[in-house]
Amino acid sequence: MTKDKQPTGERQEDATKGQTSWRDRLTSLNTSALLERYGRHLLILAVIVIGLVAVRVGFDRLQLTAAPAADTPESLQSTPTNTGFAQLTLADLPAYNGAEPVSFGGVFRRLDIHTVIPSRPRLEILTYTVKQGDSLFGIADQYGLQPETILWGNYDVLQDNPHALAPDQELSILPVDGTYYQWHEGDTLNGVATFFSVEPQDIIDWPGNELDPSMDYENPNIEPGTYLVIPGGKREFVSWQAPRVTRSNPAAARVLGPGYCGTVVDGAIGTGAFVWPTPGQSISGYGYSSYHPAIDIGGSTGNGIYASDSGVVVYAGWNDYGYGNLVILDHGNGWQSLYAHLNTVGVGCGQSVFQSSTIGGMGCTGNCTGTHLHFEMQSDIYGKVNPLNFLP
């Protein structure tokens, strides 16, 4: 059986159709978009190659922009170029010895991310209003001053008595440790400086006083009533404490208030050894100092107050000078003890008490900002002493 042959005209027509179909497909492709895509890829590759070459060349040749220091090894010095800087390569650098960094001298900037603003001394007098719970020590610490400075700067308010501190008082806060003085008619710089143990020029040089640096020490032109800061000044404290009250001199207590006992003839005699007058032994508030010759012992309202040694009551009751409810014992051997700010008084005038017996309750009466016992000890020989030196 013979295969039918396709006519020649039909074959040519099919071929023409095939060629037309191929050209149509080629034309349908977006030739310009294809070229643009490959072009971008080639450009990126070219940039990468150029960058790698540049980095390699840069590492092969290192240009230092600092002249060699005087102690730079001779092997490292090279002939300066017209730029004035030494040209070195990595091969010229010395080997690191692991101990000290390589240095070529010169001036370098130190990196410091912190901005330091210098503090300026305060010159003005500040005013502070006392709040409930404040203490002389707390106020002094708040302003970086000594407690004495608070007292010396406010004698008209506190009269050198730390227990006179009370809410709503307005205190003058000096800018530096020292004293505050109101100038009087007839004062001289020499006299004021001597009284406060400073030099006259110290008073003049304090910028807050705004005094003429060349003024005469004996005839200064300072207006009476002017307040001056005496930097570094100090003086004796005005005594505000209770006077010595004994059974042989009871009249001394008459000025203290209604707790005055009058004449006391006899009573118990102390042993000369003392015990703590409170259940606790923590110092709360003020310790012993020249302006507070006593200790403040902490505790709770109503805690028992005990006789530190045997003796007789020479004062029992209210005190008009800041102590509140007060008990004073005379021990008959040259010693006396004082118990202040009591909530209650449990003994009476002329009563003999024995060591560790209860004489009252702890409180906060008189000039006080918190419950405590103000405890003083005094002797005919030593005067007022630090109780901590005599308590067990």
Protein backbone atom coordinates (compact mmCIF):
# COMPACT_ATOMS: atom_id res chain seq x y z
CA MET A 1 0.00 0.00 0.00
CA THR A 2 1.47 3.29 -1.00
CA LYS A 3 1.50 6.35 1.26
CA ASP A 4 -0.43 9.31 -0.03
CA LYS A 5 1.80 12.22 -0.95
CA GLN A 6 0.88 15.79 0.13
CA PRO A 7 0.75 18.19 -2.73
CA THR A 8 3.70 20.54 -3.08
CA GLY A 9 1.57 23.69 -2.67
CA GLU A 10 0.19 22.50 0.65
CA ARG A 11 3.69 21.74 2.03
CA GLN A 12 4.91 25.23 1.16
CA GLU A 13 1.86 26.73 2.81
CA ASP A 14 2.50 24.78 6.05
CA ALA A 15 6.14 25.89 6.09
CA THR A 16 5.11 29.49 5.67
CA LYS A 17 2.67 29.12 8.54
CA GLY A 18 5.46 27.64 10.76
CA GLN A 19 7.82 30.50 9.99
CA THR A 20 5.11 33.04 10.70
CA SER A 21 4.32 31.39 14.05
CA TRP A 22 8.06 31.53 15.16
CA ARG A 23 8.42 35.18 14.21
CA ASP A 24 5.21 36.01 16.06
CA ARG A 25 6.53 34.35 19.25
CA LEU A 26 9.86 36.18 19.05
CA THR A 27 8.15 39.49 18.46
CA SER A 28 5.79 38.89 21.40
CA LEU A 29 8.81 38.90 23.79
CA ASN A 30 9.62 42.32 25.34
CA THR A 31 13.18 42.58 24.03
CA SER A 32 13.89 46.01 25.55
CA ALA A 33 12.78 44.89 29.04
CA LEU A 34 15.01 41.81 28.79
CA LEU A 35 18.04 43.87 27.85
CA GLU A 36 17.32 46.36 30.64
CA ARG A 37 17.15 43.57 33.24
CA TYR A 38 20.47 42.01 32.21
CA GLY A 39 22.05 45.46 32.02
CA ARG A 40 21.23 46.24 35.64
CA HIS A 41 22.74 42.96 36.78
CA LEU A 42 25.93 43.64 34.87
CA LEU A 43 26.19 47.16 36.36
CA ILE A 44 25.84 45.84 39.94
CA LEU A 45 28.54 43.24 39.32
CA ALA A 46 30.84 45.92 37.93
CA VAL A 47 30.40 48.12 41.03
CA ILE A 48 31.16 45.18 43.33
CA VAL A 49 34.32 44.33 41.42
CA ILE A 50 35.53 47.95 41.46
CA GLY A 51 34.87 48.16 45.23
CA LEU A 52 36.83 45.00 45.95
CA VAL A 53 39.76 46.25 43.94
CA ALA A 54 39.71 49.61 45.73
CA VAL A 55 39.65 47.96 49.16
CA ARG A 56 42.54 45.69 48.24
CA VAL A 57 44.61 48.63 47.01
CA GLY A 58 43.76 50.63 50.17
CA PHE A 59 45.02 47.86 52.47
CA ASP A 60 48.17 47.47 50.48
CA ARG A 61 49.07 51.12 51.00
CA LEU A 62 48.45 52.87 54.36
CA GLN A 63 48.84 56.64 54.61
CA LEU A 64 49.29 58.00 58.14
CA THR A 65 48.19 61.58 58.72
CA ALA A 66 50.44 62.35 61.71
CA ALA A 67 54.07 63.34 61.81
CA PRO A 68 56.36 60.95 63.75
CA ALA A 69 57.11 61.88 67.33
CA ALA A 70 60.60 62.58 68.54
CA ASP A 71 60.86 59.07 69.99
CA THR A 72 59.64 57.33 66.80
CA PRO A 73 62.13 54.62 65.73
CA GLU A 74 64.40 55.72 62.90
CA SER A 75 63.18 52.77 60.83
CA LEU A 76 59.69 54.25 60.87
CA GLN A 77 60.65 57.72 59.67
CA SER A 78 60.31 58.35 55.98
CA THR A 79 60.89 61.30 53.75
CA PRO A 80 57.95 63.70 53.98
CA THR A 81 55.96 64.24 50.85
CA ASN A 82 54.77 67.62 49.71
CA THR A 83 51.80 67.18 52.08
CA GLY A 84 54.08 67.32 55.11
CA PHE A 85 53.02 63.89 56.47
CA ALA A 86 55.04 60.71 56.80
CA GLN A 87 54.04 57.92 54.43
CA LEU A 88 54.15 54.50 56.08
CA THR A 89 53.02 51.06 55.09
CA LEU A 90 51.77 48.20 57.23
CA ALA A 91 55.11 46.50 56.79
CA ASP A 92 56.84 49.46 58.47
CA LEU A 93 54.83 49.21 61.70
CA PRO A 94 56.58 47.59 64.70
CA ALA A 95 55.28 44.31 66.05
CA TYR A 96 52.93 44.64 69.04
CA ASN A 97 54.66 43.36 72.16
CA GLY A 98 51.44 42.73 74.10
CA ALA A 99 52.39 45.11 76.91
CA GLU A 100 52.09 48.69 75.76
CA PRO A 101 50.23 50.31 72.87
CA VAL A 102 52.20 51.67 69.93
CA SER A 103 52.30 55.46 70.06
CA PHE A 104 53.64 58.01 67.60
CA GLY A 105 53.02 61.05 69.83
CA GLY A 106 51.00 64.03 68.73
CA VAL A 107 47.87 65.59 70.18
CA PHE A 108 44.72 63.48 70.22
CA ARG A 109 41.18 64.29 71.24
CA ARG A 110 39.85 62.35 74.19
CA LEU A 111 36.32 61.09 73.76
CA ASP A 112 34.04 62.03 76.66
CA ILE A 113 30.31 61.51 76.24
CA HIS A 114 29.50 63.41 79.45
CA THR A 115 29.10 67.15 79.67
CA VAL A 116 30.52 68.48 82.95
CA ILE A 117 29.01 71.72 84.20
CA PRO A 118 31.15 73.20 86.99
CA SER A 119 29.27 73.86 90.21
CA ARG A 120 29.15 77.44 91.41
CA PRO A 121 29.24 78.39 95.07
CA ARG A 122 26.00 79.72 96.50
CA LEU A 123 26.19 83.31 97.75
CA GLU A 124 22.63 84.12 98.75
CA ILE A 125 20.90 83.42 102.08
CA LEU A 126 18.08 80.90 101.66
CA THR A 127 14.92 80.71 103.76
CA TYR A 128 13.75 77.32 105.02
CA THR A 129 10.38 76.65 106.66
CA VAL A 130 10.58 73.98 109.36
CA LYS A 131 8.28 70.97 108.89
CA GLN A 132 6.97 68.46 111.42
CA GLY A 133 9.65 65.86 112.04
CA ASP A 134 12.59 68.08 111.05
CA SER A 135 15.74 68.02 113.15
CA LEU A 136 18.76 70.28 113.34
CA PHE A 137 20.96 67.53 111.91
CA GLY A 138 18.57 66.77 109.06
CA ILE A 139 18.32 70.40 107.96
CA ALA A 140 22.09 70.83 108.18
CA ASP A 141 22.71 67.69 106.09
CA GLN A 142 20.22 68.84 103.48
CA TYR A 143 22.31 71.94 102.79
CA GLY A 144 25.76 70.46 103.43
CA LEU A 145 26.32 72.52 106.58
CA GLN A 146 27.32 71.84 110.18
CA PRO A 147 24.49 71.89 112.77
CA GLU A 148 26.26 74.74 114.57
CA THR A 149 25.87 76.90 111.47
CA ILE A 150 22.07 76.50 111.58
CA LEU A 151 22.05 77.65 115.23
CA TRP A 152 24.53 80.50 114.67
CA GLY A 153 22.57 81.72 111.67
CA ASN A 154 19.25 81.79 113.57
CA TYR A 155 19.89 82.94 117.11
CA ASP A 156 16.81 85.19 117.09
CA VAL A 157 14.65 82.11 116.38
CA LEU A 158 16.41 79.23 118.16
CA GLN A 159 18.56 81.05 120.76
CA ASP A 160 21.20 78.31 120.46
CA ASN A 161 18.65 75.70 121.58
CA PRO A 162 18.31 72.77 119.13
CA HIS A 163 15.12 71.71 120.92
CA ALA A 164 13.54 75.07 120.10
CA LEU A 165 13.01 73.87 116.52
CA ALA A 166 9.27 73.92 115.73
CA PRO A 167 7.06 73.60 112.62
CA ASP A 168 6.45 76.74 110.54
CA GLN A 169 9.57 78.52 111.82
CA GLU A 170 11.52 80.29 109.09
CA LEU A 171 15.28 79.71 109.24
CA SER A 172 18.08 81.50 107.41
CA ILE A 173 20.35 79.01 105.62
CA LEU A 174 23.87 80.36 105.18
CA PRO A 175 25.77 79.50 101.99
CA VAL A 176 28.85 78.31 103.92
CA ASP A 177 29.71 77.15 107.42
CA GLY A 178 30.17 80.09 109.76
CA THR A 179 28.09 82.65 111.60
CA TYR A 180 25.61 85.37 110.67
CA TYR A 181 26.10 88.77 112.26
CA GLN A 182 24.05 91.97 112.32
CA TRP A 183 26.31 95.04 112.22
CA HIS A 184 25.93 97.52 115.10
CA GLU A 185 26.87 101.16 115.50
CA GLY A 186 30.49 101.40 116.64
CA ASP A 187 31.52 97.94 115.41
CA THR A 188 34.93 97.52 113.78
CA LEU A 189 36.08 94.79 111.43
CA ASN A 190 38.95 93.96 113.76
CA GLY A 191 36.62 93.58 116.72
CA VAL A 192 34.01 91.46 114.90
CA ALA A 193 36.69 89.26 113.31
CA THR A 194 38.40 88.67 116.66
CA PHE A 195 35.10 87.74 118.32
CA PHE A 196 34.35 85.13 115.65
CA SER A 197 38.00 83.90 115.39
CA VAL A 198 38.56 84.90 111.75
CA GLU A 199 40.62 87.50 109.90
CA PRO A 200 39.01 90.85 108.93
CA GLN A 201 39.85 90.20 105.29
CA ASP A 202 37.83 86.95 105.41
CA ILE A 203 34.71 89.03 106.02
CA ILE A 204 35.56 91.52 103.29
CA ASP A 205 36.50 88.88 100.72
CA TRP A 206 33.22 86.97 100.98
CA PRO A 207 31.51 88.15 97.73
CA GLY A 208 28.02 87.88 99.16
CA ASN A 209 28.81 90.64 101.68
CA GLU A 210 29.51 93.10 98.82
CA LEU A 211 32.08 95.08 100.82
CA ASP A 212 34.75 97.43 99.52
CA PRO A 213 38.03 95.42 99.40
CA SER A 214 40.01 98.49 100.47
CA MET A 215 37.85 99.56 103.42
CA ASP A 216 39.44 100.57 106.72
CA TYR A 217 39.33 97.82 109.37
CA GLU A 218 38.75 100.29 112.20
CA ASN A 219 36.38 102.68 110.43
CA PRO A 220 34.45 100.61 107.87
CA ASN A 221 31.57 102.29 106.15
CA ILE A 222 29.02 99.58 106.96
CA GLU A 223 25.43 100.56 107.60
CA PRO A 224 24.14 99.48 111.06
CA GLY A 225 21.60 96.70 110.71
CA THR A 226 23.47 95.11 107.79
CA TYR A 227 23.73 91.32 108.05
CA LEU A 228 27.12 89.81 107.19
CA VAL A 229 28.16 86.22 106.61
CA ILE A 230 31.27 85.40 108.65
CA PRO A 231 32.74 82.44 106.71
CA GLY A 232 34.45 80.01 109.07
CA GLY A 233 33.32 82.03 112.09
CA LYS A 234 32.49 80.43 115.43
CA ARG A 235 31.54 81.51 118.93
CA GLU A 236 30.56 80.15 122.32
CA PHE A 237 27.00 78.92 122.66
CA VAL A 238 24.62 80.80 124.88
CA SER A 239 23.68 78.42 127.68
CA TRP A 240 20.01 77.46 127.66
CA GLN A 241 20.26 74.30 129.75
CA ALA A 242 18.86 73.93 133.23
CA PRO A 243 21.04 75.30 136.02
CA ARG A 244 22.51 73.06 138.66
CA VAL A 245 19.68 72.23 141.07
CA THR A 246 20.67 70.51 144.29
CA ARG A 247 19.00 69.82 147.59
CA SER A 248 21.25 72.45 149.12
CA ASN A 249 20.39 75.10 146.48
CA PRO A 250 16.77 74.56 145.47
CA ALA A 251 16.14 78.23 144.71
CA ALA A 252 18.06 77.82 141.44
CA ALA A 253 15.07 75.90 140.10
CA ARG A 254 12.59 78.68 140.79
CA VAL A 255 13.19 80.28 137.38
CA LEU A 256 12.59 77.03 135.50
CA GLY A 257 8.85 76.76 136.01
CA PRO A 258 6.11 75.31 138.19
CA GLY A 259 8.07 72.08 138.81
CA TYR A 260 10.17 73.98 141.35
CA CYS A 261 10.38 71.96 144.58
CA GLY A 262 11.66 74.43 147.17
CA THR A 263 13.88 73.26 149.99
CA VAL A 264 14.73 69.56 150.14
CA VAL A 265 16.52 68.56 153.34
CA ASP A 266 17.54 64.97 152.83
CA GLY A 267 16.97 61.87 150.71
CA ALA A 268 18.56 58.82 149.17
CA ILE A 269 22.25 58.89 148.22
CA GLY A 270 23.52 57.50 144.93
CA THR A 271 26.02 54.70 144.44
CA GLY A 272 28.15 56.59 141.91
CA ALA A 273 27.46 53.95 139.26
CA PHE A 274 24.75 54.62 136.65
CA VAL A 275 22.36 52.47 134.59
CA TRP A 276 20.42 53.25 131.40
CA PRO A 277 17.28 55.27 132.18
CA THR A 278 15.26 53.65 129.36
CA PRO A 279 14.45 50.11 128.15
CA GLY A 280 16.24 50.77 124.85
CA GLN A 281 19.71 52.14 124.25
CA SER A 282 19.42 53.74 120.81
CA ILE A 283 20.37 57.36 120.26
CA SER A 284 17.55 59.15 118.46
CA GLY A 285 17.98 62.72 117.30
CA TYR A 286 20.88 64.47 119.02
CA GLY A 287 23.97 63.01 120.54
CA TYR A 288 26.28 64.81 122.94
CA SER A 289 27.91 68.02 121.68
CA SER A 290 28.93 71.48 122.80
CA TYR A 291 25.49 72.83 121.89
CA HIS A 292 23.61 69.76 123.16
CA PRO A 293 25.31 68.48 126.35
CA ALA A 294 23.00 65.50 126.63
CA ILE A 295 21.87 62.43 124.69
CA ASP A 296 18.44 61.79 123.19
CA ILE A 297 17.39 58.18 123.71
CA GLY A 298 14.70 56.81 121.41
CA GLY A 299 11.63 54.80 122.30
CA SER A 300 7.84 54.80 122.27
CA THR A 301 5.37 57.02 124.07
CA GLY A 302 4.73 55.72 127.57
CA ASN A 303 7.93 53.65 127.85
CA GLY A 304 9.17 53.62 131.44
CA ILE A 305 11.81 56.15 132.48
CA TYR A 306 14.05 54.90 135.28
CA ALA A 307 16.28 56.60 137.83
CA SER A 308 19.84 56.16 136.57
CA ASP A 309 21.02 56.13 140.18
CA SER A 310 19.48 56.57 143.61
CA GLY A 311 18.70 60.12 144.71
CA VAL A 312 16.06 62.65 145.70
CA VAL A 313 13.66 64.59 143.46
CA VAL A 314 14.56 68.30 143.36
CA TYR A 315 12.37 69.21 140.36
CA ALA A 316 9.20 67.48 139.11
CA GLY A 317 6.75 69.02 136.66
CA TRP A 318 6.50 71.46 133.77
CA ASN A 319 9.52 73.43 132.57
CA ASP A 320 9.12 76.80 130.84
CA TYR A 321 12.35 76.63 128.83
CA GLY A 322 11.65 73.83 126.34
CA TYR A 323 12.11 70.71 128.45
CA GLY A 324 8.39 70.05 128.83
CA ASN A 325 7.67 67.70 131.72
CA LEU A 326 10.92 67.43 133.65
CA VAL A 327 12.39 65.45 136.53
CA ILE A 328 15.75 66.31 138.14
CA LEU A 329 17.39 63.98 140.65
CA ASP A 330 20.13 65.02 143.02
CA HIS A 331 22.22 61.99 143.96
CA GLY A 332 23.81 63.52 147.05
CA ASN A 333 27.37 62.65 146.00
CA GLY A 334 28.11 65.53 143.66
CA TRP A 335 26.12 64.08 140.74
CA GLN A 336 22.78 65.13 139.27
CA SER A 337 20.70 63.64 136.42
CA LEU A 338 17.97 65.27 134.33
CA TYR A 339 15.07 63.60 132.45
CA ALA A 340 13.14 65.80 129.97
CA HIS A 341 10.15 65.73 127.56
CA LEU A 342 8.31 63.18 129.71
CA ASN A 343 4.77 62.19 128.81
CA THR A 344 3.97 61.67 132.48
CA VAL A 345 5.73 62.47 135.74
CA GLY A 346 5.53 59.65 138.27
CA VAL A 347 7.35 61.19 141.27
CA GLY A 348 6.96 64.24 143.47
CA CYS A 349 9.18 66.85 145.02
CA GLY A 350 11.46 65.63 147.84
CA GLN A 351 10.73 61.98 147.09
CA SER A 352 13.61 59.51 147.44
CA VAL A 353 13.99 57.15 144.50
CA PHE A 354 16.28 54.19 144.04
CA GLN A 355 18.28 53.09 141.07
CA SER A 356 16.11 51.61 138.26
CA SER A 357 12.83 52.69 139.88
CA THR A 358 10.26 54.25 137.51
CA ILE A 359 10.02 58.04 137.66
CA GLY A 360 7.80 58.73 134.60
CA GLY A 361 6.88 57.83 131.03
CA MET A 362 8.62 58.72 127.77
CA GLY A 363 6.96 61.37 125.63
CA CYS A 364 7.38 64.47 123.50
CA THR A 365 6.46 67.51 125.57
CA GLY A 366 8.01 70.96 125.35
CA ASN A 367 10.25 71.71 122.37
CA CYS A 368 10.51 68.34 120.70
CA THR A 369 9.85 66.83 117.28
CA GLY A 370 9.57 63.16 118.20
CA THR A 371 9.21 60.87 121.19
CA HIS A 372 12.48 60.49 123.10
CA LEU A 373 14.17 61.06 126.46
CA HIS A 374 16.54 64.01 126.76
CA PHE A 375 19.02 62.76 129.38
CA GLU A 376 21.71 64.92 131.03
CA MET A 377 24.35 64.14 133.64
CA GLN A 378 26.26 66.76 135.62
CA SER A 379 28.81 66.66 138.41
CA ASP A 380 30.37 69.18 140.74
CA ILE A 381 33.82 68.22 139.43
CA TYR A 382 33.38 67.68 135.67
CA GLY A 383 30.37 69.84 134.90
CA LYS A 384 28.04 68.50 132.22
CA VAL A 385 29.40 65.27 130.76
CA ASN A 386 28.63 62.84 127.97
CA PRO A 387 26.40 60.22 129.58
CA LEU A 388 27.72 57.56 127.20
CA ASN A 389 31.03 57.75 129.04
CA PHE A 390 29.35 56.71 132.30
CA LEU A 391 26.56 54.33 131.26
CA PRO A 392 27.26 50.58 130.98
